[in-house]
PDB file of all heavy atoms in Angstrom:
ATOM      1  N   SER A   1     100.706  94.292 102.586  1.00  0.00           N
ATOM      2  CA  SER A   1     100.411  92.944 103.130  1.00  0.00           C
ATOM      3  C   SER A   1     100.541  91.870 102.209  1.00  0.00           C
ATOM      4  O   SER A   1     100.784  90.757 102.543  1.00  0.00           O
ATOM      5  CB  SER A   1      99.005  92.999 103.828  1.00  0.00           C
ATOM      6  OG  SER A   1      97.979  93.406 102.809  1.00  0.00           O
ATOM      7  N   ILE A   2     100.256  92.126 100.994  1.00  0.00           N
ATOM      8  CA  ILE A   2     100.309  90.995  99.902  1.00  0.00           C
ATOM      9  C   ILE A   2     101.748  90.531  99.777  1.00  0.00           C
ATOM     10  O   ILE A   2     102.022  89.405  99.404  1.00  0.00           O
ATOM     11  CB  ILE A   2      99.697  91.389  98.588  1.00  0.00           C
ATOM     12  CG1 ILE A   2      98.268  91.906  98.788  1.00  0.00           C
ATOM     13  CG2 ILE A   2      99.758  90.305  97.598  1.00  0.00           C
ATOM     14  CD1 ILE A   2      97.585  92.433  97.610  1.00  0.00           C
ATOM     15  N   THR A   3     102.658  91.387 100.087  1.00  0.00           N
ATOM     16  CA  THR A   3     104.106  90.994 100.163  1.00  0.00           C
ATOM     17  C   THR A   3     104.414  90.377 101.469  1.00  0.00           C
ATOM     18  O   THR A   3     104.996  89.397 101.569  1.00  0.00           O
ATOM     19  CB  THR A   3     105.080  92.240  99.783  1.00  0.00           C
ATOM     20  OG1 THR A   3     104.731  92.638  98.467  1.00  0.00           O
ATOM     21  CG2 THR A   3     106.452  91.898  99.998  1.00  0.00           C
ATOM     22  N   GLN A   4     104.062  91.061 102.589  1.00  0.00           N
ATOM     23  CA  GLN A   4     104.256  90.528 103.843  1.00  0.00           C
ATOM     24  C   GLN A   4     103.823  89.085 104.020  1.00  0.00           C
ATOM     25  O   GLN A   4     104.504  88.187 104.596  1.00  0.00           O
ATOM     26  CB  GLN A   4     103.627  91.416 104.925  1.00  0.00           C
ATOM     27  CG  GLN A   4     103.921  90.852 106.391  1.00  0.00           C
ATOM     28  CD  GLN A   4     103.275  91.878 107.387  1.00  0.00           C
ATOM     29  OE1 GLN A   4     103.315  93.103 107.260  1.00  0.00           O
ATOM     30  NE2 GLN A   4     102.735  91.316 108.447  1.00  0.00           N
ATOM     31  N   PHE A   5     102.633  88.823 103.470  1.00  0.00           N
ATOM     32  CA  PHE A   5     102.079  87.460 103.647  1.00  0.00           C
ATOM     33  C   PHE A   5     102.658  86.479 102.640  1.00  0.00           C
ATOM     34  O   PHE A   5     102.287  85.262 102.690  1.00  0.00           O
ATOM     35  CB  PHE A   5     100.620  87.538 103.539  1.00  0.00           C
ATOM     36  CG  PHE A   5      99.783  88.389 104.458  1.00  0.00           C
ATOM     37  CD1 PHE A   5      98.604  88.822 104.193  1.00  0.00           C
ATOM     38  CD2 PHE A   5     100.451  88.740 105.668  1.00  0.00           C
ATOM     39  CE1 PHE A   5      97.928  89.664 105.055  1.00  0.00           C
ATOM     40  CE2 PHE A   5      99.758  89.592 106.550  1.00  0.00           C
ATOM     41  CZ  PHE A   5      98.470  90.048 106.278  1.00  0.00           C
ATOM     42  N   SER A   6     103.564  86.937 101.797  1.00  0.00           N
ATOM     43  CA  SER A   6     104.021  86.027 100.693  1.00  0.00           C
ATOM     44  C   SER A   6     104.957  84.991 101.097  1.00  0.00           C
ATOM     45  O   SER A   6     105.279  84.062 100.290  1.00  0.00           O
ATOM     46  CB  SER A   6     104.712  86.977  99.589  1.00  0.00           C
ATOM     47  OG  SER A   6     105.983  87.383  99.993  1.00  0.00           O
ATOM     48  N   PHE A   7     105.411  85.013 102.330  1.00  0.00           N
ATOM     49  CA  PHE A   7     106.316  83.882 102.813  1.00  0.00           C
ATOM     50  C   PHE A   7     105.446  82.860 103.572  1.00  0.00           C
ATOM     51  O   PHE A   7     106.037  81.918 104.107  1.00  0.00           O
ATOM     52  CB  PHE A   7     107.357  84.478 103.719  1.00  0.00           C
ATOM     53  CG  PHE A   7     108.571  84.767 102.980  1.00  0.00           C
ATOM     54  CD1 PHE A   7     108.596  85.267 101.665  1.00  0.00           C
ATOM     55  CD2 PHE A   7     109.839  84.747 103.608  1.00  0.00           C
ATOM     56  CE1 PHE A   7     109.708  85.620 100.944  1.00  0.00           C
ATOM     57  CE2 PHE A   7     110.976  85.105 102.880  1.00  0.00           C
ATOM     58  CZ  PHE A   7     110.912  85.616 101.530  1.00  0.00           C
ATOM     59  N   GLN A   8     104.139  82.972 103.590  1.00  0.00           N
ATOM     60  CA  GLN A   8     103.385  81.916 104.198  1.00  0.00           C
ATOM     61  C   GLN A   8     103.400  80.642 103.368  1.00  0.00           C
ATOM     62  O   GLN A   8     103.846  80.779 102.164  1.00  0.00           O
ATOM     63  CB  GLN A   8     101.912  82.449 104.437  1.00  0.00           C
ATOM     64  CG  GLN A   8     101.833  83.600 105.449  1.00  0.00           C
ATOM     65  CD  GLN A   8     100.367  84.092 105.540  1.00  0.00           C
ATOM     66  OE1 GLN A   8      99.474  83.747 104.684  1.00  0.00           O
ATOM     67  NE2 GLN A   8     100.184  84.907 106.561  1.00  0.00           N
ATOM     68  N   GLN A   9     102.931  79.589 103.842  1.00  0.00           N
ATOM     69  CA  GLN A   9     102.996  78.281 103.080  1.00  0.00           C
ATOM     70  C   GLN A   9     102.298  78.566 101.727  1.00  0.00           C
ATOM     71  O   GLN A   9     101.204  78.944 101.683  1.00  0.00           O
ATOM     72  CB  GLN A   9     102.423  77.190 103.903  1.00  0.00           C
ATOM     73  CG  GLN A   9     102.523  75.858 103.177  1.00  0.00           C
ATOM     74  CD  GLN A   9     101.995  74.701 103.993  1.00  0.00           C
ATOM     75  OE1 GLN A   9     101.546  74.900 105.145  1.00  0.00           O
ATOM     76  NE2 GLN A   9     102.083  73.473 103.520  1.00  0.00           N
ATOM     77  N   GLY A  10     103.010  78.228 100.625  1.00  0.00           N
ATOM     78  CA  GLY A  10     102.486  78.308  99.365  1.00  0.00           C
ATOM     79  C   GLY A  10     102.505  79.817  98.764  1.00  0.00           C
ATOM     80  O   GLY A  10     101.969  80.007  97.708  1.00  0.00           O
ATOM     81  N   GLY A  11     103.065  80.734  99.516  1.00  0.00           N
ATOM     82  CA  GLY A  11     103.123  82.087  99.098  1.00  0.00           C
ATOM     83  C   GLY A  11     104.052  82.299  97.963  1.00  0.00           C
ATOM     84  O   GLY A  11     105.005  81.567  97.761  1.00  0.00           O
ATOM     85  N   TRP A  12     103.818  83.408  97.219  1.00  0.00           N
ATOM     86  CA  TRP A  12     104.612  83.592  96.052  1.00  0.00           C
ATOM     87  C   TRP A  12     106.116  83.991  96.413  1.00  0.00           C
ATOM     88  O   TRP A  12     106.958  83.627  95.667  1.00  0.00           O
ATOM     89  CB  TRP A  12     104.029  84.766  95.148  1.00  0.00           C
ATOM     90  CG  TRP A  12     103.897  86.117  95.826  1.00  0.00           C
ATOM     91  CD1 TRP A  12     102.774  86.484  96.564  1.00  0.00           C
ATOM     92  CD2 TRP A  12     104.747  87.215  95.804  1.00  0.00           C
ATOM     93  NE1 TRP A  12     102.970  87.791  97.026  1.00  0.00           N
ATOM     94  CE2 TRP A  12     104.166  88.249  96.480  1.00  0.00           C
ATOM     95  CE3 TRP A  12     105.957  87.348  95.143  1.00  0.00           C
ATOM     96  CZ2 TRP A  12     104.813  89.538  96.692  1.00  0.00           C
ATOM     97  CZ3 TRP A  12     106.663  88.662  95.310  1.00  0.00           C
ATOM     98  CH2 TRP A  12     106.061  89.663  96.069  1.00  0.00           C
ATOM     99  N   GLY A  13     106.287  84.586  97.446  1.00  0.00           N
ATOM    100  CA  GLY A  13     107.656  84.947  97.941  1.00  0.00           C
ATOM    101  C   GLY A  13     108.366  83.723  98.467  1.00  0.00           C
ATOM    102  O   GLY A  13     109.627  83.590  98.145  1.00  0.00           O
ATOM    103  N   ALA A  14     107.669  82.773  99.107  1.00  0.00           N
ATOM    104  CA  ALA A  14     108.258  81.561  99.523  1.00  0.00           C
ATOM    105  C   ALA A  14     108.653  80.711  98.330  1.00  0.00           C
ATOM    106  O   ALA A  14     109.709  80.036  98.294  1.00  0.00           O
ATOM    107  CB  ALA A  14     107.342  80.788 100.399  1.00  0.00           C
ATOM    108  N   SER A  15     107.825  80.791  97.266  1.00  0.00           N
ATOM    109  CA  SER A  15     108.140  80.044  96.068  1.00  0.00           C
ATOM    110  C   SER A  15     109.383  80.615  95.368  1.00  0.00           C
ATOM    111  O   SER A  15     110.179  79.856  94.840  1.00  0.00           O
ATOM    112  CB  SER A  15     106.969  80.032  95.061  1.00  0.00           C
ATOM    113  OG  SER A  15     105.879  79.376  95.639  1.00  0.00           O
ATOM    114  N   LEU A  16     109.574  81.919  95.416  1.00  0.00           N
ATOM    115  CA  LEU A  16     110.733  82.460  94.826  1.00  0.00           C
ATOM    116  C   LEU A  16     111.929  82.116  95.601  1.00  0.00           C
ATOM    117  O   LEU A  16     113.018  81.770  95.030  1.00  0.00           O
ATOM    118  CB  LEU A  16     110.587  84.128  94.860  1.00  0.00           C
ATOM    119  CG  LEU A  16     109.898  84.806  93.793  1.00  0.00           C
ATOM    120  CD1 LEU A  16     109.833  86.283  94.052  1.00  0.00           C
ATOM    121  CD2 LEU A  16     110.558  84.441  92.368  1.00  0.00           C
ATOM    122  N   ALA A  17     111.861  82.191  96.954  1.00  0.00           N
ATOM    123  CA  ALA A  17     112.970  81.815  97.803  1.00  0.00           C
ATOM    124  C   ALA A  17     113.413  80.308  97.593  1.00  0.00           C
ATOM    125  O   ALA A  17     114.586  79.981  97.517  1.00  0.00           O
ATOM    126  CB  ALA A  17     112.589  82.002  99.225  1.00  0.00           C
ATOM    127  N   ASP A  18     112.345  79.450  97.417  1.00  0.00           N
ATOM    128  CA  ASP A  18     112.672  78.063  97.078  1.00  0.00           C
ATOM    129  C   ASP A  18     113.433  77.972  95.770  1.00  0.00           C
ATOM    130  O   ASP A  18     114.400  77.188  95.601  1.00  0.00           O
ATOM    131  CB  ASP A  18     111.434  77.265  97.043  1.00  0.00           C
ATOM    132  CG  ASP A  18     111.638  75.754  96.802  1.00  0.00           C
ATOM    133  OD1 ASP A  18     112.394  75.160  97.537  1.00  0.00           O
ATOM    134  OD2 ASP A  18     111.035  75.317  95.802  1.00  0.00           O
ATOM    135  N   LYS A  19     112.990  78.660  94.774  1.00  0.00           N
ATOM    136  CA  LYS A  19     113.500  78.639  93.419  1.00  0.00           C
ATOM    137  C   LYS A  19     114.906  79.068  93.340  1.00  0.00           C
ATOM    138  O   LYS A  19     115.816  78.638  92.574  1.00  0.00           O
ATOM    139  CB  LYS A  19     112.701  79.438  92.423  1.00  0.00           C
ATOM    140  CG  LYS A  19     112.845  79.105  90.983  1.00  0.00           C
ATOM    141  CD  LYS A  19     112.073  77.857  90.625  1.00  0.00           C
ATOM    142  CE  LYS A  19     111.960  77.705  89.112  1.00  0.00           C
ATOM    143  NZ  LYS A  19     111.238  76.442  88.730  1.00  0.00           N
ATOM    144  N   LEU A  20     115.215  80.053  94.300  1.00  0.00           N
ATOM    145  CA  LEU A  20     116.589  80.652  94.322  1.00  0.00           C
ATOM    146  C   LEU A  20     117.473  80.228  95.374  1.00  0.00           C
ATOM    147  O   LEU A  20     118.505  80.877  95.545  1.00  0.00           O
ATOM    148  CB  LEU A  20     116.358  82.210  94.323  1.00  0.00           C
ATOM    149  CG  LEU A  20     115.654  82.825  93.059  1.00  0.00           C
ATOM    150  CD1 LEU A  20     115.340  84.261  93.359  1.00  0.00           C
ATOM    151  CD2 LEU A  20     116.603  82.653  91.897  1.00  0.00           C
ATOM    152  N   VAL A  21     117.254  79.139  95.988  1.00  0.00           N
ATOM    153  CA  VAL A  21     118.188  78.620  96.983  1.00  0.00           C
ATOM    154  C   VAL A  21     119.537  78.406  96.483  1.00  0.00           C
ATOM    155  O   VAL A  21     119.776  77.931  95.234  1.00  0.00           O
ATOM    156  CB  VAL A  21     117.555  77.239  97.572  1.00  0.00           C
ATOM    157  CG1 VAL A  21     118.680  76.550  98.450  1.00  0.00           C
ATOM    158  CG2 VAL A  21     116.415  77.560  98.531  1.00  0.00           C
ATOM    159  N   ARG A  22     120.516  78.843  97.195  1.00  0.00           N
ATOM    160  CA  ARG A  22     121.912  78.844  96.839  1.00  0.00           C
ATOM    161  C   ARG A  22     122.318  79.695  95.701  1.00  0.00           C
ATOM    162  O   ARG A  22     123.388  79.620  95.148  1.00  0.00           O
ATOM    163  CB  ARG A  22     122.363  77.341  96.596  1.00  0.00           C
ATOM    164  CG  ARG A  22     122.457  76.516  97.804  1.00  0.00           C
ATOM    165  CD  ARG A  22     122.926  75.165  97.617  1.00  0.00           C
ATOM    166  NE  ARG A  22     124.269  75.089  97.133  1.00  0.00           N
ATOM    167  CZ  ARG A  22     124.907  73.902  96.847  1.00  0.00           C
ATOM    168  NH1 ARG A  22     124.358  72.807  97.040  1.00  0.00           N
ATOM    169  NH2 ARG A  22     126.168  73.950  96.363  1.00  0.00           N
ATOM    170  N   LYS A  23     121.360  80.555  95.334  1.00  0.00           N
ATOM    171  CA  LYS A  23     121.693  81.642  94.308  1.00  0.00           C
ATOM    172  C   LYS A  23     121.502  83.021  94.865  1.00  0.00           C
ATOM    173  O   LYS A  23     122.318  83.881  94.699  1.00  0.00           O
ATOM    174  CB  LYS A  23     120.873  81.477  93.071  1.00  0.00           C
ATOM    175  CG  LYS A  23     121.419  80.376  92.179  1.00  0.00           C
ATOM    176  CD  LYS A  23     120.741  80.443  90.711  1.00  0.00           C
ATOM    177  CE  LYS A  23     121.431  79.566  89.784  1.00  0.00           C
ATOM    178  NZ  LYS A  23     121.031  79.811  88.374  1.00  0.00           N
ATOM    179  N   CYS A  24     120.347  83.241  95.511  1.00  0.00           N
ATOM    180  CA  CYS A  24     119.982  84.533  96.081  1.00  0.00           C
ATOM    181  C   CYS A  24     119.223  84.352  97.409  1.00  0.00           C
ATOM    182  O   CYS A  24     118.597  83.307  97.725  1.00  0.00           O
ATOM    183  CB  CYS A  24     119.047  85.210  95.191  1.00  0.00           C
ATOM    184  SG  CYS A  24     119.680  85.792  93.601  1.00  0.00           S
ATOM    185  N   ASP A  25     119.445  85.341  98.391  1.00  0.00           N
ATOM    186  CA  ASP A  25     118.501  85.466  99.432  1.00  0.00           C
ATOM    187  C   ASP A  25     117.311  86.341  98.991  1.00  0.00           C
ATOM    188  O   ASP A  25     117.533  87.317  98.304  1.00  0.00           O
ATOM    189  CB  ASP A  25     119.293  86.210 100.597  1.00  0.00           C
ATOM    190  CG  ASP A  25     120.147  85.279 101.339  1.00  0.00           C
ATOM    191  OD1 ASP A  25     119.915  84.003 101.345  1.00  0.00           O
ATOM    192  OD2 ASP A  25     121.056  85.821 102.040  1.00  0.00           O
ATOM    193  N   VAL A  26     116.141  85.911  99.257  1.00  0.00           N
ATOM    194  CA  VAL A  26     114.987  86.600  98.915  1.00  0.00           C
ATOM    195  C   VAL A  26     114.456  87.311 100.183  1.00  0.00           C
ATOM    196  O   VAL A  26     114.143  86.656 101.171  1.00  0.00           O
ATOM    197  CB  VAL A  26     113.878  85.739  98.351  1.00  0.00           C
ATOM    198  CG1 VAL A  26     112.629  86.624  97.998  1.00  0.00           C
ATOM    199  CG2 VAL A  26     114.361  85.055  97.065  1.00  0.00           C
ATOM    200  N   LEU A  27     114.517  88.618 100.279  1.00  0.00           N
ATOM    201  CA  LEU A  27     114.164  89.375 101.422  1.00  0.00           C
ATOM    202  C   LEU A  27     112.778  89.884 101.376  1.00  0.00           C
ATOM    203  O   LEU A  27     112.425  90.602 100.468  1.00  0.00           O
ATOM    204  CB  LEU A  27     115.202  90.535 101.580  1.00  0.00           C
ATOM    205  CG  LEU A  27     116.628  90.227 101.657  1.00  0.00           C
ATOM    206  CD1 LEU A  27     117.436  91.400 101.957  1.00  0.00           C
ATOM    207  CD2 LEU A  27     116.976  89.191 102.768  1.00  0.00           C
ATOM    208  N   ASN A  28     112.026  89.533 102.389  1.00  0.00           N
ATOM    209  CA  ASN A  28     110.611  90.005 102.453  1.00  0.00           C
ATOM    210  C   ASN A  28     110.550  91.337 103.237  1.00  0.00           C
ATOM    211  O   ASN A  28     110.803  91.334 104.397  1.00  0.00           O
ATOM    212  CB  ASN A  28     109.741  88.966 103.154  1.00  0.00           C
ATOM    213  CG  ASN A  28     108.290  89.360 103.124  1.00  0.00           C
ATOM    214  OD1 ASN A  28     107.880  90.464 103.165  1.00  0.00           O
ATOM    215  ND2 ASN A  28     107.424  88.355 103.084  1.00  0.00           N
ATOM    216  N   ARG A  29     110.282  92.440 102.541  1.00  0.00           N
ATOM    217  CA  ARG A  29     110.090  93.735 103.277  1.00  0.00           C
ATOM    218  C   ARG A  29     108.635  94.225 102.907  1.00  0.00           C
ATOM    219  O   ARG A  29     108.505  95.211 102.184  1.00  0.00           O
ATOM    220  CB  ARG A  29     111.153  94.683 102.709  1.00  0.00           C
ATOM    221  CG  ARG A  29     112.542  94.286 103.187  1.00  0.00           C
ATOM    222  CD  ARG A  29     112.809  94.269 104.656  1.00  0.00           C
ATOM    223  NE  ARG A  29     114.122  93.895 104.942  1.00  0.00           N
ATOM    224  CZ  ARG A  29     114.576  92.743 105.229  1.00  0.00           C
ATOM    225  NH1 ARG A  29     113.713  91.667 105.321  1.00  0.00           N
ATOM    226  NH2 ARG A  29     115.822  92.415 105.617  1.00  0.00           N
ATOM    227  N   GLY A  30     107.704  93.317 103.283  1.00  0.00           N
ATOM    228  CA  GLY A  30     106.321  93.686 103.175  1.00  0.00           C
ATOM    229  C   GLY A  30     105.770  94.307 104.399  1.00  0.00           C
ATOM    230  O   GLY A  30     106.057  93.868 105.601  1.00  0.00           O
ATOM    231  N   PHE A  31     104.991  95.335 104.375  1.00  0.00           N
ATOM    232  CA  PHE A  31     104.380  96.050 105.485  1.00  0.00           C
ATOM    233  C   PHE A  31     102.894  96.187 105.364  1.00  0.00           C
ATOM    234  O   PHE A  31     102.336  96.989 104.652  1.00  0.00           O
ATOM    235  CB  PHE A  31     105.077  97.412 105.547  1.00  0.00           C
ATOM    236  CG  PHE A  31     106.567  97.320 105.710  1.00  0.00           C
ATOM    237  CD1 PHE A  31     107.383  97.349 104.594  1.00  0.00           C
ATOM    238  CD2 PHE A  31     107.224  97.267 107.030  1.00  0.00           C
ATOM    239  CE1 PHE A  31     108.780  97.261 104.659  1.00  0.00           C
ATOM    240  CE2 PHE A  31     108.601  97.132 107.103  1.00  0.00           C
ATOM    241  CZ  PHE A  31     109.349  97.057 105.948  1.00  0.00           C
ATOM    242  N   SER A  32     102.217  95.325 106.123  1.00  0.00           N
ATOM    243  CA  SER A  32     100.759  95.296 106.111  1.00  0.00           C
ATOM    244  C   SER A  32     100.142  96.654 106.385  1.00  0.00           C
ATOM    245  O   SER A  32     100.543  97.307 107.326  1.00  0.00           O
ATOM    246  CB  SER A  32     100.282  94.263 107.153  1.00  0.00           C
ATOM    247  OG  SER A  32      98.838  94.228 107.089  1.00  0.00           O
ATOM    248  N   GLY A  33      99.215  96.986 105.502  1.00  0.00           N
ATOM    249  CA  GLY A  33      98.536  98.253 105.618  1.00  0.00           C
ATOM    250  C   GLY A  33      99.189  99.550 105.041  1.00  0.00           C
ATOM    251  O   GLY A  33      98.609 100.526 104.969  1.00  0.00           O
ATOM    252  N   TYR A  34     100.477  99.328 104.621  1.00  0.00           N
ATOM    253  CA  TYR A  34     101.182 100.508 104.195  1.00  0.00           C
ATOM    254  C   TYR A  34     100.776 101.007 102.707  1.00  0.00           C
ATOM    255  O   TYR A  34     100.273 100.201 101.965  1.00  0.00           O
ATOM    256  CB  TYR A  34     102.653 100.244 104.201  1.00  0.00           C
ATOM    257  CG  TYR A  34     103.362 100.474 105.536  1.00  0.00           C
ATOM    258  CD1 TYR A  34     102.716  99.967 106.686  1.00  0.00           C
ATOM    259  CD2 TYR A  34     104.537 101.147 105.632  1.00  0.00           C
ATOM    260  CE1 TYR A  34     103.434 100.104 107.912  1.00  0.00           C
ATOM    261  CE2 TYR A  34     105.143 101.228 106.845  1.00  0.00           C
ATOM    262  CZ  TYR A  34     104.524 100.790 108.017  1.00  0.00           C
ATOM    263  OH  TYR A  34     105.199 100.921 109.199  1.00  0.00           O
ATOM    264  N   ASN A  35     100.888 102.302 102.457  1.00  0.00           N
ATOM    265  CA  ASN A  35     100.735 102.868 101.183  1.00  0.00           C
ATOM    266  C   ASN A  35     102.033 103.453 100.620  1.00  0.00           C
ATOM    267  O   ASN A  35     103.079 103.332 101.379  1.00  0.00           O
ATOM    268  CB  ASN A  35      99.655 103.893 101.286  1.00  0.00           C
ATOM    269  CG  ASN A  35      99.934 105.032 102.343  1.00  0.00           C
ATOM    270  OD1 ASN A  35     101.033 105.350 102.524  1.00  0.00           O
ATOM    271  ND2 ASN A  35      98.868 105.448 103.036  1.00  0.00           N
ATOM    272  N   THR A  36     102.029 103.996  99.456  1.00  0.00           N
ATOM    273  CA  THR A  36     103.267 104.506  98.921  1.00  0.00           C
ATOM    274  C   THR A  36     103.793 105.768  99.577  1.00  0.00           C
ATOM    275  O   THR A  36     104.980 106.008  99.467  1.00  0.00           O
ATOM    276  CB  THR A  36     103.071 104.827  97.356  1.00  0.00           C
ATOM    277  OG1 THR A  36     102.023 105.688  97.268  1.00  0.00           O
ATOM    278  CG2 THR A  36     102.731 103.554  96.590  1.00  0.00           C
ATOM    279  N   ARG A  37     102.930 106.490 100.207  1.00  0.00           N
ATOM    280  CA  ARG A  37     103.454 107.668 100.980  1.00  0.00           C
ATOM    281  C   ARG A  37     104.334 107.281 102.041  1.00  0.00           C
ATOM    282  O   ARG A  37     105.453 107.823 102.256  1.00  0.00           O
ATOM    283  CB  ARG A  37     102.279 108.473 101.522  1.00  0.00           C
ATOM    284  CG  ARG A  37     102.653 109.779 102.205  1.00  0.00           C
ATOM    285  CD  ARG A  37     101.479 110.422 102.802  1.00  0.00           C
ATOM    286  NE  ARG A  37     100.511 110.956 101.739  1.00  0.00           N
ATOM    287  CZ  ARG A  37      99.275 111.284 101.957  1.00  0.00           C
ATOM    288  NH1 ARG A  37      98.725 111.281 103.179  1.00  0.00           N
ATOM    289  NH2 ARG A  37      98.569 111.691 100.920  1.00  0.00           N
ATOM    290  N   TRP A  38     104.020 106.239 102.770  1.00  0.00           N
ATOM    291  CA  TRP A  38     104.889 105.719 103.833  1.00  0.00           C
ATOM    292  C   TRP A  38     106.052 104.899 103.356  1.00  0.00           C
ATOM    293  O   TRP A  38     107.104 104.925 103.802  1.00  0.00           O
ATOM    294  CB  TRP A  38     104.025 104.795 104.801  1.00  0.00           C
ATOM    295  CG  TRP A  38     102.794 105.515 105.342  1.00  0.00           C
ATOM    296  CD1 TRP A  38     102.582 106.860 105.407  1.00  0.00           C
ATOM    297  CD2 TRP A  38     101.607 104.908 105.938  1.00  0.00           C
ATOM    298  NE1 TRP A  38     101.375 107.061 106.031  1.00  0.00           N
ATOM    299  CE2 TRP A  38     100.772 105.973 106.370  1.00  0.00           C
ATOM    300  CE3 TRP A  38     101.278 103.545 106.223  1.00  0.00           C
ATOM    301  CZ2 TRP A  38      99.559 105.636 106.994  1.00  0.00           C
ATOM    302  CZ3 TRP A  38     100.053 103.276 106.837  1.00  0.00           C
ATOM    303  CH2 TRP A  38      99.158 104.369 107.163  1.00  0.00           C
TER     304      TRP A  38
END
């Protein structure tokens, strides 16, 4: 979830996406509640 929520306003993923505009697509593959087994 800490990754899933990272595209919310002010999120760390959103900040990465903003920083990398026209260089990279930043893909959010966060899954709330998931653990490493899943």
